Protein backbone atom coordinates (compact mmCIF):
# COMPACT_ATOMS: atom_id res chain seq x y z
CA MET A 1 62.12 166.68 117.24
CA CYS A 2 63.68 168.22 120.32
CA SER A 3 67.45 168.38 120.65
CA MET A 4 67.43 166.07 123.71
CA CYS A 5 65.53 163.43 121.73
CA ALA A 6 68.06 163.66 118.92
CA ILE A 7 70.94 163.23 121.38
CA LYS A 8 69.29 160.14 122.92
CA ILE A 9 68.72 158.61 119.48
CA PHE A 10 72.33 159.33 118.51
CA LYS A 11 73.60 157.66 121.72
CA ILE A 12 71.47 154.58 121.09
CA MET A 13 72.67 154.35 117.49
CA SER A 14 76.28 154.73 118.67
CA VAL A 15 75.93 151.88 121.17
CA LEU A 16 74.33 149.63 118.56
CA GLY A 17 77.10 150.46 116.11
CA LEU A 18 79.78 149.54 118.62
CA ALA A 19 78.00 146.29 119.47
CA GLY A 20 77.96 145.38 115.78
CA PHE A 21 81.63 146.27 115.41
CA TYR A 22 82.69 143.97 118.25
CA SER A 23 80.56 141.04 117.11
CA VAL A 24 82.06 140.90 113.61
CA PRO A 25 85.62 139.62 113.06
CA LEU A 26 88.01 142.40 112.12
CA TYR A 27 89.48 140.38 109.28
CA ALA A 28 88.82 137.30 107.25
CA LYS A 29 91.45 134.83 106.12
CA THR A 30 92.01 134.07 102.47
CA PRO A 31 91.15 130.62 101.06
CA LYS A 32 94.17 128.48 100.13
CA GLU A 33 93.10 128.28 96.49
CA ILE A 34 93.26 132.06 96.06
CA VAL A 35 96.89 132.27 97.24
CA LYS A 36 97.92 129.09 95.39
CA TYR A 37 98.90 127.32 98.64
CA GLN A 38 100.95 124.15 98.20
CA GLU A 39 102.29 121.74 100.82
CA THR A 40 105.83 121.86 99.44
CA PRO A 41 108.41 124.67 99.46
CA LYS A 42 109.02 126.82 96.38
CA ASP A 43 112.54 127.94 95.45
CA GLY A 44 113.72 127.12 98.99
CA ASN A 45 111.01 129.26 100.61
CA ALA A 46 108.61 127.64 103.09
CA CYS A 47 105.90 128.78 105.49
CA LYS A 48 108.14 128.13 108.50
CA SER A 49 110.28 131.12 107.44
CA CYS A 50 107.34 133.37 106.54
CA LEU A 51 106.31 136.46 108.50
CA HIS A 52 102.66 135.30 108.49
CA PHE A 53 103.26 131.78 109.88
CA ILE A 54 102.31 130.95 113.50
CA ALA A 55 104.46 127.93 114.40
CA GLU A 56 102.76 127.14 117.72
CA THR A 57 99.47 126.32 116.01
CA ASN A 58 100.55 125.65 112.39
CA GLU A 59 98.37 128.54 111.26
CA CYS A 60 98.83 131.53 109.01
CA LYS A 61 97.79 135.07 109.91
CA THR A 62 96.31 135.53 106.44
CA VAL A 63 95.45 132.08 105.00
CA GLU A 64 92.65 129.92 106.38
CA GLY A 65 93.05 126.36 107.63
CA SER A 66 95.94 124.27 108.91
CA ILE A 67 99.27 125.18 107.32
CA ASP A 68 102.20 122.83 106.72
CA PRO A 69 105.49 124.43 107.88
CA GLU A 70 107.04 123.13 104.64
CA GLY A 71 104.26 124.68 102.53
CA TRP A 72 104.31 127.83 100.44
CA CYS A 73 101.85 130.33 98.94
CA SER A 74 101.90 133.43 96.77
CA ILE A 75 101.82 135.84 99.73
CA TYR A 76 104.98 134.37 101.26
CA PHE A 77 107.06 137.08 102.92
CA LYS A 78 110.46 136.08 104.32
CA LEU A 79 111.08 136.89 107.98
CA PRO A 80 113.42 139.87 108.36
């Protein structure tokens, strides 16, 4: 194989790799069952005061599905 052919093949493979990278989500959210999500606070801690909670959409950055602001899960991390 000539060196120019190898370079062309490498470029094509690089483009295909980048296309695959951008078509796949960079992260997946964790199911509620895994993090023991509950719709009630625990020891005064609730999702609304968690670093991962997105109040505008009632979502979590790490847990899938709709999240109750008064909920809690095992990856709760209090806002600084």
